[in-house]
Full PDB file with SEQRES, HELIX, SHEET, SSBOND, CRYST1, ORIGX, SCALE, CONECT and MASTER records, all heavy atoms in Angstrom:
SEQRES   1 A   43  ILE PHE LEU LEU SER LYS GLY GLN ILE TYR ALA PHE SER          
SEQRES   2 A   43  ASP GLN THR SER VAL MET GLY PHE SER ILE SER PHE GLY          
SEQRES   3 A   43  ASP CYS PHE TRP GLN LYS ILE PRO PRO SER ALA SER ASN          
SEQRES   4 A   43  CYS LYS ALA VAL                                              
HELIX    1 AA1 ASP A   27  TRP A   30  1                                   4    
HELIX    2 AA2 PRO A   35  ALA A   37  5                                   3    
HELIX    3 AA3 SER A   38  ALA A   42  1                                   5    
CRYST1    1.000    1.000    1.000  90.00  90.00  90.00 P 1           1          
ORIGX1      1.000000  0.000000  0.000000        0.00000                         
ORIGX2      0.000000  1.000000  0.000000        0.00000                         
ORIGX3      0.000000  0.000000  1.000000        0.00000                         
SCALE1      1.000000  0.000000  0.000000        0.00000                         
SCALE2      0.000000  1.000000  0.000000        0.00000                         
SCALE3      0.000000  0.000000  1.000000        0.00000                         
ATOM      1  N   ILE A   1       7.247   4.259  63.634  1.00  0.00           N  
ATOM      2  CA  ILE A   1       5.989   3.505  63.649  1.00  0.00           C  
ATOM      3  C   ILE A   1       6.226   2.281  62.680  1.00  0.00           C  
ATOM      4  O   ILE A   1       6.739   2.382  61.580  1.00  0.00           O  
ATOM      5  CB  ILE A   1       4.862   4.259  63.061  1.00  0.00           C  
ATOM      6  CG1 ILE A   1       4.669   5.613  63.911  1.00  0.00           C  
ATOM      7  CG2 ILE A   1       3.605   3.439  63.164  1.00  0.00           C  
ATOM      8  CD1 ILE A   1       4.068   5.440  65.293  1.00  0.00           C  
ATOM      9  N   PHE A   2       5.852   1.112  63.175  1.00  0.00           N  
ATOM     10  CA  PHE A   2       5.776  -0.074  62.336  1.00  0.00           C  
ATOM     11  C   PHE A   2       4.400  -0.611  62.203  1.00  0.00           C  
ATOM     12  O   PHE A   2       3.682  -0.767  63.256  1.00  0.00           O  
ATOM     13  CB  PHE A   2       6.708  -1.136  62.961  1.00  0.00           C  
ATOM     14  CG  PHE A   2       8.190  -0.822  62.855  1.00  0.00           C  
ATOM     15  CD1 PHE A   2       8.792  -0.172  63.903  1.00  0.00           C  
ATOM     16  CD2 PHE A   2       8.906  -1.199  61.740  1.00  0.00           C  
ATOM     17  CE1 PHE A   2      10.154   0.152  63.802  1.00  0.00           C  
ATOM     18  CE2 PHE A   2      10.273  -0.885  61.650  1.00  0.00           C  
ATOM     19  CZ  PHE A   2      10.843  -0.248  62.684  1.00  0.00           C  
ATOM     20  N   LEU A   3       3.914  -0.894  61.136  1.00  0.00           N  
ATOM     21  CA  LEU A   3       2.634  -1.395  60.767  1.00  0.00           C  
ATOM     22  C   LEU A   3       2.687  -2.857  60.306  1.00  0.00           C  
ATOM     23  O   LEU A   3       3.335  -3.136  59.354  1.00  0.00           O  
ATOM     24  CB  LEU A   3       1.973  -0.571  59.707  1.00  0.00           C  
ATOM     25  CG  LEU A   3       1.941   0.946  59.877  1.00  0.00           C  
ATOM     26  CD1 LEU A   3       1.410   1.639  58.639  1.00  0.00           C  
ATOM     27  CD2 LEU A   3       1.027   1.239  61.111  1.00  0.00           C  
ATOM     28  N   LEU A   4       2.000  -3.789  61.057  1.00  0.00           N  
ATOM     29  CA  LEU A   4       2.039  -5.227  60.742  1.00  0.00           C  
ATOM     30  C   LEU A   4       0.626  -5.672  60.558  1.00  0.00           C  
ATOM     31  O   LEU A   4      -0.264  -5.300  61.259  1.00  0.00           O  
ATOM     32  CB  LEU A   4       2.724  -6.048  61.788  1.00  0.00           C  
ATOM     33  CG  LEU A   4       4.265  -5.845  61.939  1.00  0.00           C  
ATOM     34  CD1 LEU A   4       4.610  -4.563  62.635  1.00  0.00           C  
ATOM     35  CD2 LEU A   4       4.806  -7.030  62.835  1.00  0.00           C  
ATOM     36  N   SER A   5       0.386  -6.503  59.484  1.00  0.00           N  
ATOM     37  CA  SER A   5      -0.924  -7.019  59.194  1.00  0.00           C  
ATOM     38  C   SER A   5      -1.054  -8.442  59.774  1.00  0.00           C  
ATOM     39  O   SER A   5      -0.081  -9.125  59.928  1.00  0.00           O  
ATOM     40  CB  SER A   5      -1.101  -7.138  57.718  1.00  0.00           C  
ATOM     41  OG  SER A   5      -1.182  -5.774  57.128  1.00  0.00           O  
ATOM     42  N   LYS A   6      -2.298  -8.802  59.982  1.00  0.00           N  
ATOM     43  CA  LYS A   6      -2.521 -10.169  60.423  1.00  0.00           C  
ATOM     44  C   LYS A   6      -1.953 -11.181  59.526  1.00  0.00           C  
ATOM     45  O   LYS A   6      -1.886 -10.972  58.354  1.00  0.00           O  
ATOM     46  CB  LYS A   6      -4.018 -10.441  60.679  1.00  0.00           C  
ATOM     47  CG  LYS A   6      -4.837 -10.324  59.421  1.00  0.00           C  
ATOM     48  CD  LYS A   6      -6.321 -10.536  59.681  1.00  0.00           C  
ATOM     49  CE  LYS A   6      -7.118 -10.411  58.346  1.00  0.00           C  
ATOM     50  NZ  LYS A   6      -8.523 -10.646  58.678  1.00  0.00           N  
ATOM     51  N   GLY A   7      -1.331 -12.252  60.091  1.00  0.00           N  
ATOM     52  CA  GLY A   7      -0.715 -13.241  59.277  1.00  0.00           C  
ATOM     53  C   GLY A   7       0.795 -13.074  59.080  1.00  0.00           C  
ATOM     54  O   GLY A   7       1.549 -14.024  58.845  1.00  0.00           O  
ATOM     55  N   GLN A   8       1.250 -11.831  59.395  1.00  0.00           N  
ATOM     56  CA  GLN A   8       2.704 -11.603  59.269  1.00  0.00           C  
ATOM     57  C   GLN A   8       3.447 -12.190  60.476  1.00  0.00           C  
ATOM     58  O   GLN A   8       2.816 -12.365  61.483  1.00  0.00           O  
ATOM     59  CB  GLN A   8       2.997 -10.090  59.094  1.00  0.00           C  
ATOM     60  CG  GLN A   8       2.595  -9.535  57.760  1.00  0.00           C  
ATOM     61  CD  GLN A   8       3.197  -8.180  57.464  1.00  0.00           C  
ATOM     62  OE1 GLN A   8       2.804  -7.180  58.065  1.00  0.00           O  
ATOM     63  NE2 GLN A   8       4.152  -8.134  56.522  1.00  0.00           N  
ATOM     64  N   ILE A   9       4.714 -12.371  60.346  1.00  0.00           N  
ATOM     65  CA  ILE A   9       5.546 -13.001  61.429  1.00  0.00           C  
ATOM     66  C   ILE A   9       6.558 -11.941  61.734  1.00  0.00           C  
ATOM     67  O   ILE A   9       7.330 -11.455  60.821  1.00  0.00           O  
ATOM     68  CB  ILE A   9       6.091 -14.320  60.973  1.00  0.00           C  
ATOM     69  CG1 ILE A   9       5.019 -15.291  60.678  1.00  0.00           C  
ATOM     70  CG2 ILE A   9       7.163 -14.846  62.000  1.00  0.00           C  
ATOM     71  CD1 ILE A   9       5.455 -16.576  59.957  1.00  0.00           C  
ATOM     72  N   TYR A  10       6.736 -11.760  63.009  1.00  0.00           N  
ATOM     73  CA  TYR A  10       7.848 -10.696  63.469  1.00  0.00           C  
ATOM     74  C   TYR A  10       8.519 -11.294  64.614  1.00  0.00           C  
ATOM     75  O   TYR A  10       8.178 -12.223  65.320  1.00  0.00           O  
ATOM     76  CB  TYR A  10       7.215  -9.442  63.896  1.00  0.00           C  
ATOM     77  CG  TYR A  10       6.523  -9.444  65.284  1.00  0.00           C  
ATOM     78  CD1 TYR A  10       7.323  -9.156  66.418  1.00  0.00           C  
ATOM     79  CD2 TYR A  10       5.245  -9.879  65.393  1.00  0.00           C  
ATOM     80  CE1 TYR A  10       6.695  -9.114  67.662  1.00  0.00           C  
ATOM     81  CE2 TYR A  10       4.663  -9.872  66.669  1.00  0.00           C  
ATOM     82  CZ  TYR A  10       5.363  -9.542  67.784  1.00  0.00           C  
ATOM     83  OH  TYR A  10       4.766  -9.523  69.017  1.00  0.00           O  
ATOM     84  N   ALA A  11       9.785 -10.715  64.795  1.00  0.00           N  
ATOM     85  CA  ALA A  11      10.596 -11.087  65.966  1.00  0.00           C  
ATOM     86  C   ALA A  11      11.560  -9.966  66.211  1.00  0.00           C  
ATOM     87  O   ALA A  11      12.101  -9.276  65.259  1.00  0.00           O  
ATOM     88  CB  ALA A  11      11.463 -12.424  65.628  1.00  0.00           C  
ATOM     89  N   PHE A  12      11.828  -9.615  67.528  1.00  0.00           N  
ATOM     90  CA  PHE A  12      12.877  -8.682  67.917  1.00  0.00           C  
ATOM     91  C   PHE A  12      14.152  -9.455  68.060  1.00  0.00           C  
ATOM     92  O   PHE A  12      14.213 -10.569  68.480  1.00  0.00           O  
ATOM     93  CB  PHE A  12      12.532  -8.018  69.223  1.00  0.00           C  
ATOM     94  CG  PHE A  12      11.344  -6.953  69.133  1.00  0.00           C  
ATOM     95  CD1 PHE A  12      10.124  -7.372  69.574  1.00  0.00           C  
ATOM     96  CD2 PHE A  12      11.614  -5.773  68.657  1.00  0.00           C  
ATOM     97  CE1 PHE A  12       9.090  -6.443  69.482  1.00  0.00           C  
ATOM     98  CE2 PHE A  12      10.583  -4.832  68.556  1.00  0.00           C  
ATOM     99  CZ  PHE A  12       9.268  -5.190  68.990  1.00  0.00           C  
ATOM    100  N   SER A  13      15.230  -8.777  67.626  1.00  0.00           N  
ATOM    101  CA  SER A  13      16.534  -9.498  67.712  1.00  0.00           C  
ATOM    102  C   SER A  13      17.018  -9.701  69.134  1.00  0.00           C  
ATOM    103  O   SER A  13      16.470  -9.037  70.051  1.00  0.00           O  
ATOM    104  CB  SER A  13      17.618  -8.691  66.907  1.00  0.00           C  
ATOM    105  OG  SER A  13      17.781  -7.461  67.428  1.00  0.00           O  
ATOM    106  N   ASP A  14      18.082 -10.400  69.378  1.00  0.00           N  
ATOM    107  CA  ASP A  14      18.635 -10.608  70.642  1.00  0.00           C  
ATOM    108  C   ASP A  14      19.023  -9.178  71.356  1.00  0.00           C  
ATOM    109  O   ASP A  14      19.517  -8.315  70.627  1.00  0.00           O  
ATOM    110  CB  ASP A  14      19.901 -11.443  70.593  1.00  0.00           C  
ATOM    111  CG  ASP A  14      19.580 -12.832  70.200  1.00  0.00           C  
ATOM    112  OD1 ASP A  14      18.391 -13.190  70.155  1.00  0.00           O  
ATOM    113  OD2 ASP A  14      20.514 -13.598  69.957  1.00  0.00           O  
ATOM    114  N   GLN A  15      18.724  -9.052  72.562  1.00  0.00           N  
ATOM    115  CA  GLN A  15      19.126  -7.891  73.324  1.00  0.00           C  
ATOM    116  C   GLN A  15      18.499  -6.535  72.804  1.00  0.00           C  
ATOM    117  O   GLN A  15      19.100  -5.446  72.889  1.00  0.00           O  
ATOM    118  CB  GLN A  15      20.632  -7.806  73.478  1.00  0.00           C  
ATOM    119  CG  GLN A  15      21.361  -8.918  74.038  1.00  0.00           C  
ATOM    120  CD  GLN A  15      20.848  -9.242  75.448  1.00  0.00           C  
ATOM    121  OE1 GLN A  15      20.612  -8.335  76.295  1.00  0.00           O  
ATOM    122  NE2 GLN A  15      20.581 -10.539  75.738  1.00  0.00           N  
ATOM    123  N   THR A  16      17.320  -6.635  72.214  1.00  0.00           N  
ATOM    124  CA  THR A  16      16.684  -5.473  71.703  1.00  0.00           C  
ATOM    125  C   THR A  16      16.012  -4.683  72.882  1.00  0.00           C  
ATOM    126  O   THR A  16      15.339  -5.320  73.747  1.00  0.00           O  
ATOM    127  CB  THR A  16      15.640  -5.746  70.601  1.00  0.00           C  
ATOM    128  OG1 THR A  16      16.355  -6.215  69.445  1.00  0.00           O  
ATOM    129  CG2 THR A  16      14.787  -4.558  70.299  1.00  0.00           C  
ATOM    130  N   SER A  17      16.137  -3.367  72.854  1.00  0.00           N  
ATOM    131  CA  SER A  17      15.500  -2.582  73.949  1.00  0.00           C  
ATOM    132  C   SER A  17      14.476  -1.660  73.247  1.00  0.00           C  
ATOM    133  O   SER A  17      14.855  -0.961  72.289  1.00  0.00           O  
ATOM    134  CB  SER A  17      16.498  -1.773  74.682  1.00  0.00           C  
ATOM    135  OG  SER A  17      15.922  -0.849  75.566  1.00  0.00           O  
ATOM    136  N   VAL A  18      13.281  -1.681  73.808  1.00  0.00           N  
ATOM    137  CA  VAL A  18      12.200  -0.835  73.172  1.00  0.00           C  
ATOM    138  C   VAL A  18      11.365  -0.226  74.279  1.00  0.00           C  
ATOM    139  O   VAL A  18      11.018  -0.821  75.248  1.00  0.00           O  
ATOM    140  CB  VAL A  18      11.280  -1.714  72.238  1.00  0.00           C  
ATOM    141  CG1 VAL A  18      10.145  -0.871  71.647  1.00  0.00           C  
ATOM    142  CG2 VAL A  18      12.016  -2.457  71.216  1.00  0.00           C  
ATOM    143  N   MET A  19      11.048   1.111  74.054  1.00  0.00           N  
ATOM    144  CA  MET A  19      10.063   1.738  74.877  1.00  0.00           C  
ATOM    145  C   MET A  19       8.997   2.355  73.951  1.00  0.00           C  
ATOM    146  O   MET A  19       9.343   3.050  72.960  1.00  0.00           O  
ATOM    147  CB  MET A  19      10.679   2.841  75.793  1.00  0.00           C  
ATOM    148  CG  MET A  19       9.664   3.645  76.582  1.00  0.00           C  
ATOM    149  SD  MET A  19      10.345   4.882  77.604  1.00  0.00           S  
ATOM    150  CE  MET A  19      11.157   3.903  78.885  1.00  0.00           C  
ATOM    151  N   GLY A  20       7.759   2.072  74.162  1.00  0.00           N  
ATOM    152  CA  GLY A  20       6.741   2.682  73.342  1.00  0.00           C  
ATOM    153  C   GLY A  20       5.298   2.050  73.630  1.00  0.00           C  
ATOM    154  O   GLY A  20       4.989   1.769  74.709  1.00  0.00           O  
ATOM    155  N   PHE A  21       4.634   1.811  72.456  1.00  0.00           N  
ATOM    156  CA  PHE A  21       3.263   1.295  72.565  1.00  0.00           C  
ATOM    157  C   PHE A  21       3.006   0.135  71.533  1.00  0.00           C  
ATOM    158  O   PHE A  21       3.703   0.089  70.524  1.00  0.00           O  
ATOM    159  CB  PHE A  21       2.251   2.365  72.277  1.00  0.00           C  
ATOM    160  CG  PHE A  21       2.263   3.526  73.204  1.00  0.00           C  
ATOM    161  CD1 PHE A  21       3.065   4.640  73.010  1.00  0.00           C  
ATOM    162  CD2 PHE A  21       1.440   3.611  74.250  1.00  0.00           C  
ATOM    163  CE1 PHE A  21       3.126   5.716  73.774  1.00  0.00           C  
ATOM    164  CE2 PHE A  21       1.384   4.698  75.136  1.00  0.00           C  
ATOM    165  CZ  PHE A  21       2.273   5.713  74.900  1.00  0.00           C  
ATOM    166  N   SER A  22       2.115  -0.732  71.916  1.00  0.00           N  
ATOM    167  CA  SER A  22       1.703  -1.727  70.960  1.00  0.00           C  
ATOM    168  C   SER A  22       0.195  -1.780  70.922  1.00  0.00           C  
ATOM    169  O   SER A  22      -0.449  -1.915  71.989  1.00  0.00           O  
ATOM    170  CB  SER A  22       2.267  -3.081  71.445  1.00  0.00           C  
ATOM    171  OG  SER A  22       1.732  -4.191  70.612  1.00  0.00           O  
ATOM    172  N   ILE A  23      -0.409  -1.692  69.721  1.00  0.00           N  
ATOM    173  CA  ILE A  23      -1.792  -1.710  69.566  1.00  0.00           C  
ATOM    174  C   ILE A  23      -2.114  -2.951  68.639  1.00  0.00           C  
ATOM    175  O   ILE A  23      -1.503  -3.113  67.605  1.00  0.00           O  
ATOM    176  CB  ILE A  23      -2.351  -0.494  68.839  1.00  0.00           C  
ATOM    177  CG1 ILE A  23      -2.280   0.715  69.832  1.00  0.00           C  
ATOM    178  CG2 ILE A  23      -3.806  -0.683  68.494  1.00  0.00           C  
ATOM    179  CD1 ILE A  23      -2.704   2.079  69.131  1.00  0.00           C  
ATOM    180  N   SER A  24      -3.108  -3.753  69.102  1.00  0.00           N  
ATOM    181  CA  SER A  24      -3.556  -4.885  68.267  1.00  0.00           C  
ATOM    182  C   SER A  24      -5.009  -4.703  68.049  1.00  0.00           C  
ATOM    183  O   SER A  24      -5.784  -4.382  69.002  1.00  0.00           O  
ATOM    184  CB  SER A  24      -3.313  -6.222  69.020  1.00  0.00           C  
ATOM    185  OG  SER A  24      -1.946  -6.417  69.177  1.00  0.00           O  
ATOM    186  N   PHE A  25      -5.525  -4.922  66.774  1.00  0.00           N  
ATOM    187  CA  PHE A  25      -6.945  -4.825  66.556  1.00  0.00           C  
ATOM    188  C   PHE A  25      -7.335  -5.727  65.430  1.00  0.00           C  
ATOM    189  O   PHE A  25      -6.518  -6.029  64.490  1.00  0.00           O  
ATOM    190  CB  PHE A  25      -7.382  -3.415  66.204  1.00  0.00           C  
ATOM    191  CG  PHE A  25      -6.865  -2.812  65.002  1.00  0.00           C  
ATOM    192  CD1 PHE A  25      -7.631  -2.966  63.784  1.00  0.00           C  
ATOM    193  CD2 PHE A  25      -5.588  -2.242  64.861  1.00  0.00           C  
ATOM    194  CE1 PHE A  25      -7.166  -2.470  62.637  1.00  0.00           C  
ATOM    195  CE2 PHE A  25      -5.074  -1.817  63.707  1.00  0.00           C  
ATOM    196  CZ  PHE A  25      -5.944  -1.819  62.493  1.00  0.00           C  
ATOM    197  N   GLY A  26      -8.479  -6.364  65.562  1.00  0.00           N  
ATOM    198  CA  GLY A  26      -9.015  -7.243  64.543  1.00  0.00           C  
ATOM    199  C   GLY A  26      -9.999  -6.567  63.592  1.00  0.00           C  
ATOM    200  O   GLY A  26     -10.437  -5.347  63.877  1.00  0.00           O  
ATOM    201  N   ASP A  27     -10.290  -7.178  62.477  1.00  0.00           N  
ATOM    202  CA  ASP A  27     -11.206  -6.612  61.490  1.00  0.00           C  
ATOM    203  C   ASP A  27     -12.561  -6.346  62.054  1.00  0.00           C  
ATOM    204  O   ASP A  27     -13.218  -5.398  61.755  1.00  0.00           O  
ATOM    205  CB  ASP A  27     -11.266  -7.490  60.256  1.00  0.00           C  
ATOM    206  CG  ASP A  27     -10.017  -7.531  59.440  1.00  0.00           C  
ATOM    207  OD1 ASP A  27      -9.341  -6.483  59.403  1.00  0.00           O  
ATOM    208  OD2 ASP A  27      -9.697  -8.515  58.771  1.00  0.00           O  
ATOM    209  N   CYS A  28     -12.974  -7.283  62.951  1.00  0.00           N  
ATOM    210  CA  CYS A  28     -14.316  -7.099  63.526  1.00  0.00           C  
ATOM    211  C   CYS A  28     -14.356  -5.895  64.472  1.00  0.00           C  
ATOM    212  O   CYS A  28     -15.421  -5.175  64.551  1.00  0.00           O  
ATOM    213  CB  CYS A  28     -14.738  -8.300  64.276  1.00  0.00           C  
ATOM    214  SG  CYS A  28     -13.601  -8.869  65.661  1.00  0.00           S  
ATOM    215  N   PHE A  29     -13.193  -5.524  65.126  1.00  0.00           N  
ATOM    216  CA  PHE A  29     -13.259  -4.334  65.938  1.00  0.00           C  
ATOM    217  C   PHE A  29     -13.233  -3.106  64.996  1.00  0.00           C  
ATOM    218  O   PHE A  29     -13.903  -2.114  65.253  1.00  0.00           O  
ATOM    219  CB  PHE A  29     -12.014  -4.224  66.795  1.00  0.00           C  
ATOM    220  CG  PHE A  29     -11.887  -3.054  67.648  1.00  0.00           C  
ATOM    221  CD1 PHE A  29     -12.581  -2.979  68.824  1.00  0.00           C  
ATOM    222  CD2 PHE A  29     -11.104  -1.951  67.272  1.00  0.00           C  
ATOM    223  CE1 PHE A  29     -12.537  -1.746  69.635  1.00  0.00           C  
ATOM    224  CE2 PHE A  29     -11.058  -0.822  68.021  1.00  0.00           C  
ATOM    225  CZ  PHE A  29     -11.739  -0.682  69.182  1.00  0.00           C  
ATOM    226  N   TRP A  30     -12.521  -3.206  63.904  1.00  0.00           N  
ATOM    227  CA  TRP A  30     -12.416  -2.064  62.980  1.00  0.00           C  
ATOM    228  C   TRP A  30     -13.780  -1.740  62.428  1.00  0.00           C  
ATOM    229  O   TRP A  30     -14.086  -0.595  62.045  1.00  0.00           O  
ATOM    230  CB  TRP A  30     -11.482  -2.389  61.819  1.00  0.00           C  
ATOM    231  CG  TRP A  30     -11.319  -1.250  60.909  1.00  0.00           C  
ATOM    232  CD1 TRP A  30     -11.761  -1.084  59.593  1.00  0.00           C  
ATOM    233  CD2 TRP A  30     -10.666   0.025  61.106  1.00  0.00           C  
ATOM    234  NE1 TRP A  30     -11.525   0.104  59.035  1.00  0.00           N  
ATOM    235  CE2 TRP A  30     -10.825   0.831  60.009  1.00  0.00           C  
ATOM    236  CE3 TRP A  30      -9.967   0.569  62.240  1.00  0.00           C  
ATOM    237  CZ2 TRP A  30     -10.216   2.010  59.877  1.00  0.00           C  
ATOM    238  CZ3 TRP A  30      -9.399   1.794  62.178  1.00  0.00           C  
ATOM    239  CH2 TRP A  30      -9.531   2.561  60.957  1.00  0.00           C  
ATOM    240  N   GLN A  31     -14.665  -2.643  62.358  1.00  0.00           N  
ATOM    241  CA  GLN A  31     -16.009  -2.469  61.825  1.00  0.00           C  
ATOM    242  C   GLN A  31     -16.896  -1.481  62.682  1.00  0.00           C  
ATOM    243  O   GLN A  31     -17.882  -0.999  62.203  1.00  0.00           O  
ATOM    244  CB  GLN A  31     -16.802  -3.802  61.695  1.00  0.00           C  
ATOM    245  CG  GLN A  31     -16.222  -4.678  60.586  1.00  0.00           C  
ATOM    246  CD  GLN A  31     -16.859  -6.106  60.572  1.00  0.00           C  
ATOM    247  OE1 GLN A  31     -17.718  -6.377  61.358  1.00  0.00           O  
ATOM    248  NE2 GLN A  31     -16.322  -6.870  59.773  1.00  0.00           N  
ATOM    249  N   LYS A  32     -16.432  -1.293  63.870  1.00  0.00           N  
ATOM    250  CA  LYS A  32     -17.032  -0.285  64.788  1.00  0.00           C  
ATOM    251  C   LYS A  32     -16.637   1.161  64.313  1.00  0.00           C  
ATOM    252  O   LYS A  32     -17.304   2.112  64.734  1.00  0.00           O  
ATOM    253  CB  LYS A  32     -16.528  -0.481  66.159  1.00  0.00           C  
ATOM    254  CG  LYS A  32     -16.908  -1.740  66.841  1.00  0.00           C  
ATOM    255  CD  LYS A  32     -16.327  -1.864  68.291  1.00  0.00           C  
ATOM    256  CE  LYS A  32     -16.749  -3.206  68.946  1.00  0.00           C  
ATOM    257  NZ  LYS A  32     -18.158  -3.320  69.202  1.00  0.00           N  
ATOM    258  N   ILE A  33     -15.629   1.231  63.496  1.00  0.00           N  
ATOM    259  CA  ILE A  33     -15.131   2.552  63.033  1.00  0.00           C  
ATOM    260  C   ILE A  33     -16.107   3.079  61.967  1.00  0.00           C  
ATOM    261  O   ILE A  33     -16.545   2.297  61.080  1.00  0.00           O  
ATOM    262  CB  ILE A  33     -13.724   2.420  62.410  1.00  0.00           C  
ATOM    263  CG1 ILE A  33     -12.759   1.865  63.448  1.00  0.00           C  
ATOM    264  CG2 ILE A  33     -13.279   3.783  61.901  1.00  0.00           C  
ATOM    265  CD1 ILE A  33     -12.477   2.652  64.640  1.00  0.00           C  
ATOM    266  N   PRO A  34     -16.505   4.303  61.987  1.00  0.00           N  
ATOM    267  CA  PRO A  34     -17.346   4.869  60.979  1.00  0.00           C  
ATOM    268  C   PRO A  34     -16.747   4.670  59.550  1.00  0.00           C  
ATOM    269  O   PRO A  34     -15.523   4.636  59.407  1.00  0.00           O  
ATOM    270  CB  PRO A  34     -17.367   6.372  61.277  1.00  0.00           C  
ATOM    271  CG  PRO A  34     -17.044   6.461  62.795  1.00  0.00           C  
ATOM    272  CD  PRO A  34     -16.127   5.353  63.014  1.00  0.00           C  
ATOM    273  N   PRO A  35     -17.568   4.438  58.553  1.00  0.00           N  
ATOM    274  CA  PRO A  35     -17.084   4.271  57.199  1.00  0.00           C  
ATOM    275  C   PRO A  35     -16.138   5.290  56.702  1.00  0.00           C  
ATOM    276  O   PRO A  35     -15.306   4.974  55.828  1.00  0.00           O  
ATOM    277  CB  PRO A  35     -18.402   4.145  56.324  1.00  0.00           C  
ATOM    278  CG  PRO A  35     -19.470   3.782  57.358  1.00  0.00           C  
ATOM    279  CD  PRO A  35     -19.048   4.392  58.659  1.00  0.00           C  
ATOM    280  N   SER A  36     -16.235   6.476  57.135  1.00  0.00           N  
ATOM    281  CA  SER A  36     -15.390   7.608  56.660  1.00  0.00           C  
ATOM    282  C   SER A  36     -13.939   7.338  56.950  1.00  0.00           C  
ATOM    283  O   SER A  36     -13.108   7.963  56.315  1.00  0.00           O  
ATOM    284  CB  SER A  36     -15.808   8.879  57.322  1.00  0.00           C  
ATOM    285  OG  SER A  36     -15.660   8.841  58.746  1.00  0.00           O  
ATOM    286  N   ALA A  37     -13.643   6.407  57.867  1.00  0.00           N  
ATOM    287  CA  ALA A  37     -12.178   6.124  58.196  1.00  0.00           C  
ATOM    288  C   ALA A  37     -11.598   4.884  57.482  1.00  0.00           C  
ATOM    289  O   ALA A  37     -10.503   4.563  57.604  1.00  0.00           O  
ATOM    290  CB  ALA A  37     -12.028   5.973  59.682  1.00  0.00           C  
ATOM    291  N   SER A  38     -12.511   4.203  56.692  1.00  0.00           N  
ATOM    292  CA  SER A  38     -12.121   2.929  56.128  1.00  0.00           C  
ATOM    293  C   SER A  38     -10.954   3.042  55.156  1.00  0.00           C  
ATOM    294  O   SER A  38     -10.167   2.187  55.052  1.00  0.00           O  
ATOM    295  CB  SER A  38     -13.339   2.243  55.478  1.00  0.00           C  
ATOM    296  OG  SER A  38     -13.748   3.152  54.349  1.00  0.00           O  
ATOM    297  N   ASN A  39     -10.870   4.192  54.475  1.00  0.00           N  
ATOM    298  CA  ASN A  39      -9.809   4.373  53.473  1.00  0.00           C  
ATOM    299  C   ASN A  39      -8.386   4.397  54.231  1.00  0.00           C  
ATOM    300  O   ASN A  39      -7.495   4.015  53.657  1.00  0.00           O  
ATOM    301  CB  ASN A  39      -9.931   5.691  52.797  1.00  0.00           C  
ATOM    302  CG  ASN A  39     -11.051   5.616  51.730  1.00  0.00           C  
ATOM    303  OD1 ASN A  39     -11.391   4.532  51.286  1.00  0.00           O  
ATOM    304  ND2 ASN A  39     -11.531   6.745  51.289  1.00  0.00           N  
ATOM    305  N   CYS A  40      -8.374   4.877  55.478  1.00  0.00           N  
ATOM    306  CA  CYS A  40      -7.062   4.956  56.194  1.00  0.00           C  
ATOM    307  C   CYS A  40      -6.544   3.570  56.514  1.00  0.00           C  
ATOM    308  O   CYS A  40      -5.386   3.346  56.344  1.00  0.00           O  
ATOM    309  CB  CYS A  40      -7.359   5.700  57.520  1.00  0.00           C  
ATOM    310  SG  CYS A  40      -7.827   7.390  57.303  1.00  0.00           S  
ATOM    311  N   LYS A  41      -7.438   2.595  56.773  1.00  0.00           N  
ATOM    312  CA  LYS A  41      -7.002   1.237  57.007  1.00  0.00           C  
ATOM    313  C   LYS A  41      -6.398   0.639  55.711  1.00  0.00           C  
ATOM    314  O   LYS A  41      -5.388  -0.021  55.698  1.00  0.00           O  
ATOM    315  CB  LYS A  41      -8.060   0.346  57.531  1.00  0.00           C  
ATOM    316  CG  LYS A  41      -7.644  -1.059  57.814  1.00  0.00           C  
ATOM    317  CD  LYS A  41      -8.782  -1.867  58.494  1.00  0.00           C  
ATOM    318  CE  LYS A  41      -8.391  -3.386  58.663  1.00  0.00           C  
ATOM    319  NZ  LYS A  41      -8.414  -4.038  57.336  1.00  0.00           N  
ATOM    320  N   ALA A  42      -7.117   0.972  54.601  1.00  0.00           N  
ATOM    321  CA  ALA A  42      -6.598   0.450  53.269  1.00  0.00           C  
ATOM    322  C   ALA A  42      -5.251   1.021  52.996  1.00  0.00           C  
ATOM    323  O   ALA A  42      -4.323   0.303  52.548  1.00  0.00           O  
ATOM    324  CB  ALA A  42      -7.572   0.898  52.159  1.00  0.00           C  
ATOM    325  N   VAL A  43      -5.062   2.367  53.250  1.00  0.00           N  
ATOM    326  CA  VAL A  43      -3.742   2.982  52.967  1.00  0.00           C  
ATOM    327  C   VAL A  43      -2.623   2.300  53.851  1.00  0.00           C  
ATOM    328  O   VAL A  43      -1.546   2.048  53.317  1.00  0.00           O  
ATOM    329  CB  VAL A  43      -3.875   4.528  53.286  1.00  0.00           C  
ATOM    330  CG1 VAL A  43      -2.479   5.165  53.351  1.00  0.00           C  
ATOM    331  CG2 VAL A  43      -4.714   5.180  52.230  1.00  0.00           C  
TER     332      VAL A  43                                                      
MASTER        0    0    0    3    0    0    0    6  331    1    0    4          
END                                                                             
């Protein structure tokens, strides 16, 4: 698992092969999450 924050810059190297998932979410979407889960985002 790789965790990237907004503002960070990433790149896959030449000829990289990946199978998996990509999730993107903004702070405004996270606000829909109950407060009990807020610590997890901080961690």
